[in-house]
Amino acid sequence: MKKYETIDEYLDDLPEMEKGVSQIMRELFQDAAPDGTETISYNMPAIKIDGKVIAYFAPAKGHLGFYPTAEPIEHFKNELTNFETTKGTIKIPYTLPLPAGMIREIIEYRVNQIQNK
């Protein structure tokens, strides 16, 4: 597996449809955490604040994986009923539009978690 250094490099290697969805996700991350810093962590695009990762994302077969850690998934479980989730993952099918409002809320929630610890 190729080791990525930047999100641009990561996105350049994706098929066109996955690249488009990932670019939208990247912009949602930037919009919801304007003071965040983009990074590659665990070889996935991520955004961090105060040196801590807020969330990651990565395209997979049939869905975009959104990894905001376990606690926000539990907190937002009532809003996530249309999505398959695991302890730390929200699977967003490519057949559905990205839930921009929910993604922003989860990112903002994570920013508050990190800054208020």
C-alpha atoms as a PDB file:
ATOM      1  CA  MET A   1       0.000   0.000   0.000  1.00  0.00           C
ATOM      2  CA  LYS A   2       1.272   3.446  -0.934  1.00  0.00           C
ATOM      3  CA  LYS A   3       2.111   5.746   1.969  1.00  0.00           C
ATOM      4  CA  TYR A   4       0.610   9.208   1.496  1.00  0.00           C
ATOM      5  CA  GLU A   5       2.156  12.458   2.687  1.00  0.00           C
ATOM      6  CA  THR A   6      -0.606  14.916   1.740  1.00  0.00           C
ATOM      7  CA  ILE A   7      -4.344  14.877   1.181  1.00  0.00           C
ATOM      8  CA  ASP A   8      -3.859  16.184  -2.359  1.00  0.00           C
ATOM      9  CA  GLU A   9      -1.620  13.208  -3.132  1.00  0.00           C
ATOM     10  CA  TYR A  10      -4.202  10.863  -1.582  1.00  0.00           C
ATOM     11  CA  LEU A  11      -7.086  12.326  -3.599  1.00  0.00           C
ATOM     12  CA  ASP A  12      -5.095  12.250  -6.843  1.00  0.00           C
ATOM     13  CA  ASP A  13      -4.906   8.446  -6.627  1.00  0.00           C
ATOM     14  CA  LEU A  14      -8.672   7.951  -6.271  1.00  0.00           C
ATOM     15  CA  PRO A  15     -11.119   7.038  -9.037  1.00  0.00           C
ATOM     16  CA  GLU A  16     -13.099  10.074 -10.230  1.00  0.00           C
ATOM     17  CA  MET A  17     -16.350   9.424  -8.291  1.00  0.00           C
ATOM     18  CA  GLU A  18     -14.535   8.681  -5.022  1.00  0.00           C
ATOM     19  CA  LYS A  19     -12.313  11.716  -5.576  1.00  0.00           C
ATOM     20  CA  GLY A  20     -15.362  13.973  -5.932  1.00  0.00           C
ATOM     21  CA  VAL A  21     -17.036  12.665  -2.771  1.00  0.00           C
ATOM     22  CA  SER A  22     -13.754  12.849  -0.848  1.00  0.00           C
ATOM     23  CA  GLN A  23     -13.158  16.441  -1.961  1.00  0.00           C
ATOM     24  CA  ILE A  24     -16.618  17.408  -0.695  1.00  0.00           C
ATOM     25  CA  MET A  25     -15.860  15.683   2.617  1.00  0.00           C
ATOM     26  CA  ARG A  26     -12.537  17.518   2.824  1.00  0.00           C
ATOM     27  CA  GLU A  27     -14.336  20.835   2.322  1.00  0.00           C
ATOM     28  CA  LEU A  28     -16.906  19.941   4.989  1.00  0.00           C
ATOM     29  CA  PHE A  29     -14.073  19.203   7.430  1.00  0.00           C
ATOM     30  CA  GLN A  30     -12.410  22.542   6.619  1.00  0.00           C
ATOM     31  CA  ASP A  31     -15.704  24.435   6.910  1.00  0.00           C
ATOM     32  CA  ALA A  32     -16.662  22.875  10.252  1.00  0.00           C
ATOM     33  CA  ALA A  33     -13.176  23.248  11.756  1.00  0.00           C
ATOM     34  CA  PRO A  34     -11.668  26.363  10.136  1.00  0.00           C
ATOM     35  CA  ASP A  35      -8.834  26.413  12.683  1.00  0.00           C
ATOM     36  CA  GLY A  36      -8.043  22.756  12.014  1.00  0.00           C
ATOM     37  CA  THR A  37      -4.980  21.472  10.222  1.00  0.00           C
ATOM     38  CA  GLU A  38      -5.220  18.904   7.468  1.00  0.00           C
ATOM     39  CA  THR A  39      -3.052  15.849   7.875  1.00  0.00           C
ATOM     40  CA  ILE A  40      -2.636  12.242   6.855  1.00  0.00           C
ATOM     41  CA  SER A  41      -3.008   9.886   9.811  1.00  0.00           C
ATOM     42  CA  TYR A  42      -3.200   6.104   9.586  1.00  0.00           C
ATOM     43  CA  ASN A  43      -2.743   6.763   5.836  1.00  0.00           C
ATOM     44  CA  MET A  44      -6.153   8.486   5.681  1.00  0.00           C
ATOM     45  CA  PRO A  45      -7.119  12.149   5.268  1.00  0.00           C
ATOM     46  CA  ALA A  46      -7.803  13.724   8.648  1.00  0.00           C
ATOM     47  CA  ILE A  47      -8.133  17.065  10.348  1.00  0.00           C
ATOM     48  CA  LYS A  48      -6.686  17.914  13.715  1.00  0.00           C
ATOM     49  CA  ILE A  49      -6.857  20.720  16.216  1.00  0.00           C
ATOM     50  CA  ASP A  50      -4.561  21.358  19.167  1.00  0.00           C
ATOM     51  CA  GLY A  51      -2.448  18.431  17.931  1.00  0.00           C
ATOM     52  CA  LYS A  52      -5.333  15.937  18.205  1.00  0.00           C
ATOM     53  CA  VAL A  53      -7.200  14.345  15.310  1.00  0.00           C
ATOM     54  CA  ILE A  54     -10.837  15.398  15.111  1.00  0.00           C
ATOM     55  CA  ALA A  55     -11.884  12.860  12.468  1.00  0.00           C
ATOM     56  CA  TYR A  56     -10.709  10.867   9.466  1.00  0.00           C
ATOM     57  CA  PHE A  57     -12.338   9.802   6.216  1.00  0.00           C
ATOM     58  CA  ALA A  58     -11.557   7.222   3.562  1.00  0.00           C
ATOM     59  CA  PRO A  59     -13.395   5.909   0.524  1.00  0.00           C
ATOM     60  CA  ALA A  60     -14.191   2.202   0.534  1.00  0.00           C
ATOM     61  CA  LYS A  61     -16.085  -0.130  -1.736  1.00  0.00           C
ATOM     62  CA  GLY A  62     -19.667   1.111  -1.789  1.00  0.00           C
ATOM     63  CA  HIS A  63     -19.322   3.807   0.885  1.00  0.00           C
ATOM     64  CA  LEU A  64     -17.301   6.652   2.325  1.00  0.00           C
ATOM     65  CA  GLY A  65     -15.974   5.822   5.768  1.00  0.00           C
ATOM     66  CA  PHE A  66     -16.237   8.682   8.270  1.00  0.00           C
ATOM     67  CA  TYR A  67     -14.271   8.081  11.475  1.00  0.00           C
ATOM     68  CA  PRO A  68     -15.100  10.676  14.171  1.00  0.00           C
ATOM     69  CA  THR A  69     -14.232   8.328  17.101  1.00  0.00           C
ATOM     70  CA  ALA A  70     -16.734   6.383  19.207  1.00  0.00           C
ATOM     71  CA  GLU A  71     -18.253   8.997  21.525  1.00  0.00           C
ATOM     72  CA  PRO A  72     -19.795  11.238  18.815  1.00  0.00           C
ATOM     73  CA  ILE A  73     -21.340   8.184  17.143  1.00  0.00           C
ATOM     74  CA  GLU A  74     -23.041   7.332  20.413  1.00  0.00           C
ATOM     75  CA  HIS A  75     -24.051  10.976  20.987  1.00  0.00           C
ATOM     76  CA  PHE A  76     -25.595  11.319  17.490  1.00  0.00           C
ATOM     77  CA  LYS A  77     -27.032   7.794  17.266  1.00  0.00           C
ATOM     78  CA  ASN A  78     -30.596   9.042  16.735  1.00  0.00           C
ATOM     79  CA  GLU A  79     -29.493  11.055  13.683  1.00  0.00           C
ATOM     80  CA  LEU A  80     -27.474   8.128  12.314  1.00  0.00           C
ATOM     81  CA  THR A  81     -30.266   5.582  11.934  1.00  0.00           C
ATOM     82  CA  ASN A  82     -30.013   5.696   8.111  1.00  0.00           C
ATOM     83  CA  PHE A  83     -26.340   4.717   8.216  1.00  0.00           C
ATOM     84  CA  GLU A  84     -24.456   1.596   9.152  1.00  0.00           C
ATOM     85  CA  THR A  85     -22.207   2.359  12.115  1.00  0.00           C
ATOM     86  CA  THR A  86     -19.620   0.567  14.172  1.00  0.00           C
ATOM     87  CA  LYS A  87     -17.900   1.729  17.344  1.00  0.00           C
ATOM     88  CA  GLY A  88     -15.820   4.334  15.490  1.00  0.00           C
ATOM     89  CA  THR A  89     -17.181   4.373  11.934  1.00  0.00           C
ATOM     90  CA  ILE A  90     -20.078   5.857  10.021  1.00  0.00           C
ATOM     91  CA  LYS A  91     -20.512   4.282   6.586  1.00  0.00           C
ATOM     92  CA  ILE A  92     -22.043   6.747   4.136  1.00  0.00           C
ATOM     93  CA  PRO A  93     -23.226   4.905   0.994  1.00  0.00           C
ATOM     94  CA  TYR A  94     -22.316   6.483  -2.326  1.00  0.00           C
ATOM     95  CA  THR A  95     -25.979   6.086  -3.289  1.00  0.00           C
ATOM     96  CA  LEU A  96     -26.950   8.789  -0.766  1.00  0.00           C
ATOM     97  CA  PRO A  97     -25.944  12.455  -0.761  1.00  0.00           C
ATOM     98  CA  LEU A  98     -23.387  13.335   1.887  1.00  0.00           C
ATOM     99  CA  PRO A  99     -25.270  14.462   5.009  1.00  0.00           C
ATOM    100  CA  ALA A 100     -23.441  17.795   5.158  1.00  0.00           C
ATOM    101  CA  GLY A 101     -25.295  19.219   8.157  1.00  0.00           C
ATOM    102  CA  MET A 102     -24.737  16.103  10.241  1.00  0.00           C
ATOM    103  CA  ILE A 103     -21.042  15.915   9.296  1.00  0.00           C
ATOM    104  CA  ARG A 104     -20.555  19.564  10.295  1.00  0.00           C
ATOM    105  CA  GLU A 105     -22.341  18.974  13.616  1.00  0.00           C
ATOM    106  CA  ILE A 106     -20.178  15.959  14.413  1.00  0.00           C
ATOM    107  CA  ILE A 107     -16.964  17.811  13.519  1.00  0.00           C
ATOM    108  CA  GLU A 108     -18.009  20.803  15.642  1.00  0.00           C
ATOM    109  CA  TYR A 109     -18.867  18.423  18.481  1.00  0.00           C
ATOM    110  CA  ARG A 110     -15.389  16.864  18.229  1.00  0.00           C
ATOM    111  CA  VAL A 111     -13.719  20.289  18.204  1.00  0.00           C
ATOM    112  CA  ASN A 112     -15.600  21.165  21.407  1.00  0.00           C
ATOM    113  CA  GLN A 113     -14.636  17.820  22.962  1.00  0.00           C
ATOM    114  CA  ILE A 114     -10.961  18.426  22.301  1.00  0.00           C
ATOM    115  CA  GLN A 115     -10.882  22.092  23.264  1.00  0.00           C
ATOM    116  CA  ASN A 116     -12.879  21.626  26.474  1.00  0.00           C
ATOM    117  CA  LYS A 117     -10.934  18.689  27.926  1.00  0.00           C
END
